Amino acid sequence: MNKTRSVNRLFLLMVIWVFASSMLLGRIGVTMNAWENMLAGELILLVPVVIFLVWSRQPLKEWFPVRPMKVSTILMTVLFTGLIMPLVTFLNAFSMLFSENYVAAESQTLQNAGIWMNLFVIAVVPAVCEEVIFRGVFYHGYRENGILKGALVCGLTFGLLHRNVNQFFYASVLGIVFCLLVEATGSIFSSMIAHFLINAWSVFLMAVQKALLSGMGTAARSAYMETQAAALTKTELVDIVCIYGLIAAVSTLLAGCVLVWMAGHCGRLETLRDGLRTKKEEMGWRRILTPSFTGAAGICLGYMIMQELL
């Protein structure tokens, strides 16, 4: 089975399915709140992947490395995730210089829910579903081209399927990072933990903000909400980018050291090191960037550009 070609076809079908589902739901007048919309989005992504796995008739172990994780490895994963978060903040702020932040717009609505509901919808469900889809099926389809190429292409598909410029930047980088984390630990559970922690941090910040607002008077709360609704100026964004750029440079370097430490701890340092080297027998980029892949990527990029212009 040519996994790369099969996964590229899945990518194209998934993109068509996602856009067709959105148009169909809009056409029949289905209205959903923010939480229902997020859950529906995860389910829509998951359906074609489940069908693909059934159709491929490949053992699940071919797609999902489920090596048990020691407590020490889990703690290393937590440390690694904390060190990579400044990079996410930097990329988010950088992309906001020229794109709309759609996540920030939804956070005002999501604050009305309880922390446990938000934790389940924002952190638990995406951490499981998206890791199964991307670090499971997609990455282990592209991995036959080598770890580095596989991680790069998997990260790109992860970013593109977020379907907005702002999330594309940090999601693509996180997609690559999560692939390397899976390689270092030999378990998809590690990327699930990292994904959960990053999203859970957003939930925690929303809960703190909600608690602060509840303690304010009506006038102070209104003034604060108006300030939050106002877009950051270019100067303020540039300041944030510069500050977090410096922090991210140091923390990302430390995260790389932790990744190497983790790979050695899990007995996978040689696997990771060898996998990052380009081998002559590995497939070239032409074998990866098939018409199915370029078509799917083109649809997503076209949609993102139109979204910013309109």
Protein backbone atom coordinates (compact mmCIF):
# COMPACT_ATOMS: atom_id res chain seq x y z
CA MET A 1 0.00 0.00 0.00
CA ASN A 2 1.34 3.43 -0.99
CA LYS A 3 0.46 5.27 2.19
CA THR A 4 1.50 8.70 0.93
CA ARG A 5 -0.78 8.56 -2.09
CA SER A 6 -3.65 7.14 -0.02
CA VAL A 7 -3.32 9.81 2.69
CA ASN A 8 -3.14 12.57 0.06
CA ARG A 9 -6.41 11.34 -1.40
CA LEU A 10 -7.86 11.31 2.10
CA PHE A 11 -6.67 14.90 2.56
CA LEU A 12 -8.46 16.03 -0.61
CA LEU A 13 -11.65 14.15 0.27
CA MET A 14 -11.55 15.55 3.80
CA VAL A 15 -11.21 19.13 2.55
CA ILE A 16 -14.14 18.66 0.15
CA TRP A 17 -16.19 16.99 2.91
CA VAL A 18 -15.47 19.77 5.43
CA PHE A 19 -16.51 22.57 3.07
CA ALA A 20 -19.50 20.63 1.72
CA SER A 21 -20.71 19.86 5.26
CA SER A 22 -20.43 23.52 6.28
CA MET A 23 -22.40 24.65 3.23
CA LEU A 24 -25.03 21.93 3.73
CA LEU A 25 -25.56 22.82 7.40
CA GLY A 26 -25.88 26.48 6.44
CA ARG A 27 -28.27 25.70 3.59
CA ILE A 28 -30.68 23.71 5.75
CA GLY A 29 -30.58 26.40 8.43
CA VAL A 30 -28.86 24.49 11.23
CA THR A 31 -27.76 26.89 13.96
CA MET A 32 -25.28 25.87 16.66
CA ASN A 33 -23.69 27.61 19.60
CA ALA A 34 -19.90 27.83 19.94
CA TRP A 35 -19.54 24.51 21.81
CA GLU A 36 -21.81 22.58 19.45
CA ASN A 37 -19.95 24.06 16.49
CA MET A 38 -16.59 22.92 17.87
CA LEU A 39 -17.83 19.39 18.60
CA ALA A 40 -19.47 19.16 15.17
CA GLY A 41 -16.21 20.29 13.58
CA GLU A 42 -14.25 17.50 15.28
CA LEU A 43 -16.87 14.93 14.28
CA ILE A 44 -16.85 16.12 10.67
CA LEU A 45 -13.06 15.69 10.55
CA LEU A 46 -13.23 12.27 12.16
CA VAL A 47 -15.86 10.67 9.87
CA PRO A 48 -13.76 10.36 6.67
CA VAL A 49 -10.76 9.14 8.70
CA VAL A 50 -12.78 6.32 10.26
CA ILE A 51 -14.06 5.34 6.80
CA PHE A 52 -10.47 5.45 5.48
CA LEU A 53 -9.21 3.16 8.26
CA VAL A 54 -11.96 0.63 7.57
CA TRP A 55 -11.33 0.80 3.82
CA SER A 56 -7.53 0.47 4.13
CA ARG A 57 -7.80 -2.81 6.11
CA GLN A 58 -4.45 -2.07 7.70
CA PRO A 59 -3.83 -3.03 11.34
CA LEU A 60 -4.38 -0.07 13.64
CA LYS A 61 -0.83 -0.42 14.98
CA GLU A 62 0.36 0.70 11.53
CA TRP A 63 -1.18 4.11 12.19
CA PHE A 64 -1.16 4.56 15.98
CA PRO A 65 1.95 4.03 18.16
CA VAL A 66 0.41 3.42 21.58
CA ARG A 67 3.49 2.61 23.65
CA PRO A 68 2.70 3.02 27.38
CA MET A 69 4.29 6.10 28.95
CA LYS A 70 6.16 6.16 32.24
CA VAL A 71 5.36 8.86 34.79
CA SER A 72 8.82 10.35 34.17
CA THR A 73 8.10 10.61 30.44
CA ILE A 74 4.75 12.29 31.13
CA LEU A 75 6.49 14.85 33.35
CA MET A 76 9.06 15.48 30.61
CA THR A 77 6.20 16.00 28.15
CA VAL A 78 4.64 18.56 30.49
CA LEU A 79 7.98 20.39 30.75
CA PHE A 80 8.46 20.27 26.98
CA THR A 81 4.96 21.68 26.41
CA GLY A 82 5.52 24.54 28.82
CA LEU A 83 8.73 25.48 27.01
CA ILE A 84 7.07 25.44 23.59
CA MET A 85 4.14 27.71 24.60
CA PRO A 86 6.04 31.03 24.15
CA LEU A 87 6.63 30.01 20.52
CA VAL A 88 2.87 29.56 20.06
CA THR A 89 2.22 33.02 21.54
CA PHE A 90 4.88 34.56 19.30
CA LEU A 91 3.46 32.97 16.13
CA ASN A 92 -0.07 33.95 17.12
CA ALA A 93 0.92 37.60 17.65
CA PHE A 94 3.02 37.63 14.47
CA SER A 95 0.16 36.35 12.32
CA MET A 96 -2.20 38.92 13.87
CA LEU A 97 -0.10 41.64 12.22
CA PHE A 98 -1.78 40.77 8.93
CA SER A 99 -4.72 38.49 9.74
CA GLU A 100 -7.89 38.28 11.82
CA ASN A 101 -7.83 36.41 15.14
CA TYR A 102 -11.03 34.34 14.94
CA VAL A 103 -10.28 32.39 18.12
CA ALA A 104 -10.28 35.58 20.21
CA ALA A 105 -13.71 36.49 18.84
CA GLU A 106 -15.13 33.12 19.97
CA SER A 107 -13.55 33.30 23.44
CA GLN A 108 -16.06 35.92 24.58
CA THR A 109 -18.90 33.42 23.95
CA LEU A 110 -17.02 30.48 25.44
CA GLN A 111 -16.52 32.37 28.71
CA ASN A 112 -20.22 31.89 29.47
CA ALA A 113 -19.75 28.13 29.93
CA GLY A 114 -18.36 26.39 32.99
CA ILE A 115 -14.70 25.50 33.12
CA TRP A 116 -15.36 21.75 32.93
CA MET A 117 -17.50 22.13 29.81
CA ASN A 118 -14.83 24.27 28.16
CA LEU A 119 -12.10 21.86 29.23
CA PHE A 120 -13.93 18.96 27.60
CA VAL A 121 -14.86 20.75 24.37
CA ILE A 122 -11.70 22.83 23.86
CA ALA A 123 -9.00 20.58 25.36
CA VAL A 124 -10.06 16.93 25.68
CA VAL A 125 -11.96 16.35 22.44
CA PRO A 126 -9.46 18.07 20.08
CA ALA A 127 -6.49 16.46 21.87
CA VAL A 128 -7.90 13.00 21.17
CA CYS A 129 -9.59 13.47 17.78
CA GLU A 130 -6.98 15.68 16.11
CA GLU A 131 -4.05 13.60 17.32
CA VAL A 132 -5.69 10.41 16.07
CA ILE A 133 -6.26 12.10 12.70
CA PHE A 134 -3.02 13.99 12.20
CA ARG A 135 -0.28 12.41 14.34
CA GLY A 136 -1.91 9.05 13.77
CA VAL A 137 -3.18 8.59 10.22
CA PHE A 138 -1.63 11.54 8.40
CA TYR A 139 1.82 11.42 9.96
CA HIS A 140 2.15 7.65 9.68
CA GLY A 141 1.07 7.91 6.07
CA TYR A 142 3.77 10.48 5.28
CA ARG A 143 6.38 8.91 7.57
CA GLU A 144 7.48 6.48 4.84
CA ASN A 145 9.18 9.53 3.27
CA GLY A 146 11.32 10.02 6.37
CA ILE A 147 10.61 11.56 9.76
CA LEU A 148 11.52 15.13 8.77
CA LYS A 149 9.51 15.22 5.54
CA GLY A 150 6.65 13.38 7.20
CA ALA A 151 6.54 15.87 10.07
CA LEU A 152 6.72 18.89 7.74
CA VAL A 153 3.89 17.71 5.50
CA CYS A 154 1.77 16.55 8.44
CA GLY A 155 2.24 19.95 10.07
CA LEU A 156 1.19 21.66 6.86
CA THR A 157 -2.02 19.63 6.57
CA PHE A 158 -2.78 20.34 10.23
CA GLY A 159 -2.38 24.07 9.67
CA LEU A 160 -4.35 24.13 6.41
CA LEU A 161 -7.35 22.33 7.90
CA HIS A 162 -7.71 25.06 10.53
CA ARG A 163 -8.84 27.19 7.55
CA ASN A 164 -7.74 30.61 8.74
CA VAL A 165 -4.44 32.45 8.37
CA ASN A 166 -4.01 33.21 12.07
CA GLN A 167 -4.23 29.59 13.22
CA PHE A 168 -2.41 28.27 10.15
CA PHE A 169 0.95 29.61 11.36
CA TYR A 170 1.05 28.23 14.88
CA ALA A 171 -0.95 25.08 14.07
CA SER A 172 1.52 24.13 11.31
CA VAL A 173 4.49 24.55 13.66
CA LEU A 174 2.74 22.67 16.46
CA GLY A 175 1.89 19.91 13.99
CA ILE A 176 5.59 19.46 13.26
CA VAL A 177 6.51 19.64 16.95
CA PHE A 178 3.89 17.05 17.90
CA CYS A 179 5.22 14.64 15.25
CA LEU A 180 8.73 14.92 16.68
CA LEU A 181 7.31 14.39 20.16
CA VAL A 182 5.64 11.16 19.01
CA GLU A 183 8.95 10.02 17.54
CA ALA A 184 10.88 10.88 20.70
CA THR A 185 8.52 8.94 22.96
CA GLY A 186 7.25 6.27 20.57
CA SER A 187 3.70 7.02 21.70
CA ILE A 188 0.84 9.12 20.35
CA PHE A 189 -0.22 9.64 23.97
CA SER A 190 2.59 12.19 24.32
CA SER A 191 1.20 14.46 21.60
CA MET A 192 -2.28 14.07 23.08
CA ILE A 193 -0.95 15.26 26.45
CA ALA A 194 0.87 18.23 24.87
CA HIS A 195 -2.16 19.17 22.77
CA PHE A 196 -4.41 18.95 25.83
CA LEU A 197 -2.11 21.12 27.96
CA ILE A 198 -1.84 23.88 25.35
CA ASN A 199 -5.62 24.05 24.88
CA ALA A 200 -6.26 23.66 28.62
CA TRP A 201 -4.05 26.69 29.27
CA SER A 202 -6.42 28.75 27.11
CA VAL A 203 -9.36 27.43 29.13
CA PHE A 204 -7.59 28.36 32.37
CA LEU A 205 -6.94 31.91 31.13
CA MET A 206 -10.60 32.28 30.16
CA ALA A 207 -11.67 31.08 33.62
CA VAL A 208 -9.33 33.58 35.30
CA GLN A 209 -10.66 36.37 33.12
CA LYS A 210 -14.24 35.37 33.94
CA ALA A 211 -13.46 35.36 37.68
CA LEU A 212 -11.89 38.82 37.44
CA LEU A 213 -14.90 40.16 35.57
CA SER A 214 -17.33 38.76 38.14
CA GLY A 215 -15.54 40.73 40.86
CA MET A 216 -15.79 44.03 38.99
CA GLY A 217 -18.56 46.58 39.14
CA THR A 218 -20.86 47.08 36.16
CA ALA A 219 -19.06 50.19 34.92
CA ALA A 220 -15.60 48.65 35.31
CA ARG A 221 -16.74 45.46 33.60
CA SER A 222 -18.16 47.38 30.64
CA ALA A 223 -14.97 49.41 30.29
CA TYR A 224 -12.87 46.24 30.42
CA MET A 225 -15.00 44.49 27.78
CA GLU A 226 -14.73 47.50 25.49
CA THR A 227 -10.96 47.41 25.88
CA GLN A 228 -10.86 43.70 25.09
CA ALA A 229 -13.08 44.15 22.04
CA ALA A 230 -10.79 46.84 20.63
CA ALA A 231 -8.12 45.50 18.30
CA LEU A 232 -4.50 45.83 19.36
CA THR A 233 -2.63 48.52 17.46
CA LYS A 234 0.20 47.56 15.12
CA THR A 235 2.68 49.11 17.54
CA GLU A 236 1.36 47.03 20.45
CA LEU A 237 1.48 43.86 18.34
CA VAL A 238 5.04 44.59 17.22
CA ASP A 239 6.06 45.04 20.87
CA ILE A 240 4.46 41.69 21.77
CA VAL A 241 6.14 40.00 18.80
CA CYS A 242 9.56 41.37 19.80
CA ILE A 243 9.22 40.43 23.47
CA TYR A 244 7.87 36.95 22.86
CA GLY A 245 10.29 36.42 19.98
CA LEU A 246 13.19 36.71 22.40
CA ILE A 247 11.49 34.52 25.02
CA ALA A 248 10.51 31.94 22.39
CA ALA A 249 14.07 31.76 21.00
CA VAL A 250 15.40 30.70 24.40
CA SER A 251 12.48 28.49 25.46
CA THR A 252 12.32 26.67 22.09
CA LEU A 253 16.03 25.89 22.30
CA LEU A 254 15.47 24.47 25.78
CA ALA A 255 12.46 22.52 24.47
CA GLY A 256 14.74 20.97 21.84
CA CYS A 257 17.12 19.88 24.58
CA VAL A 258 14.24 18.34 26.54
CA LEU A 259 13.10 16.52 23.37
CA VAL A 260 16.56 14.98 22.96
CA TRP A 261 16.62 14.12 26.69
CA MET A 262 13.20 12.51 26.35
CA ALA A 263 14.23 10.48 23.29
CA GLY A 264 17.26 9.17 25.17
CA HIS A 265 15.14 8.39 28.21
CA CYS A 266 12.72 6.39 26.03
CA GLY A 267 15.52 4.60 24.17
CA ARG A 268 14.64 6.30 20.89
CA LEU A 269 17.48 8.77 20.43
CA GLU A 270 19.10 6.82 17.59
CA THR A 271 15.72 6.34 15.91
CA LEU A 272 15.04 10.07 16.08
CA ARG A 273 18.57 11.00 14.96
CA ASP A 274 18.60 8.56 12.05
CA GLY A 275 15.08 9.52 11.03
CA LEU A 276 16.00 13.20 10.73
CA ARG A 277 18.76 12.41 8.25
CA THR A 278 17.84 12.40 4.55
CA LYS A 279 18.31 9.01 2.95
CA LYS A 280 18.74 8.36 -0.77
CA GLU A 281 16.10 5.65 -0.80
CA GLU A 282 13.43 7.92 0.65
CA MET A 283 10.75 9.32 -1.64
CA GLY A 284 11.32 12.82 -3.03
CA TRP A 285 9.00 15.77 -2.74
CA ARG A 286 7.38 14.95 -6.10
CA ARG A 287 6.09 11.71 -4.63
CA ILE A 288 4.55 13.63 -1.73
CA LEU A 289 3.13 16.67 -3.51
CA THR A 290 0.70 14.74 -5.68
CA PRO A 291 -2.26 16.37 -7.51
CA SER A 292 -4.52 15.33 -4.60
CA PHE A 293 -2.32 17.13 -2.09
CA THR A 294 -1.81 20.28 -4.15
CA GLY A 295 -5.54 20.41 -4.94
CA ALA A 296 -6.51 20.15 -1.27
CA ALA A 297 -3.87 22.68 -0.22
CA GLY A 298 -4.99 25.06 -2.99
CA ILE A 299 -8.62 24.93 -1.83
CA CYS A 300 -7.64 25.70 1.77
CA LEU A 301 -5.24 28.49 0.85
CA GLY A 302 -7.77 30.05 -1.53
CA TYR A 303 -10.43 30.00 1.17
CA MET A 304 -8.09 31.56 3.76
CA ILE A 305 -7.07 34.35 1.39
CA MET A 306 -10.69 35.12 0.48
CA GLN A 307 -11.60 35.10 4.16
CA GLU A 308 -9.03 37.81 4.87
CA LEU A 309 -9.94 39.93 1.85
CA LEU A 310 -13.72 39.87 2.19
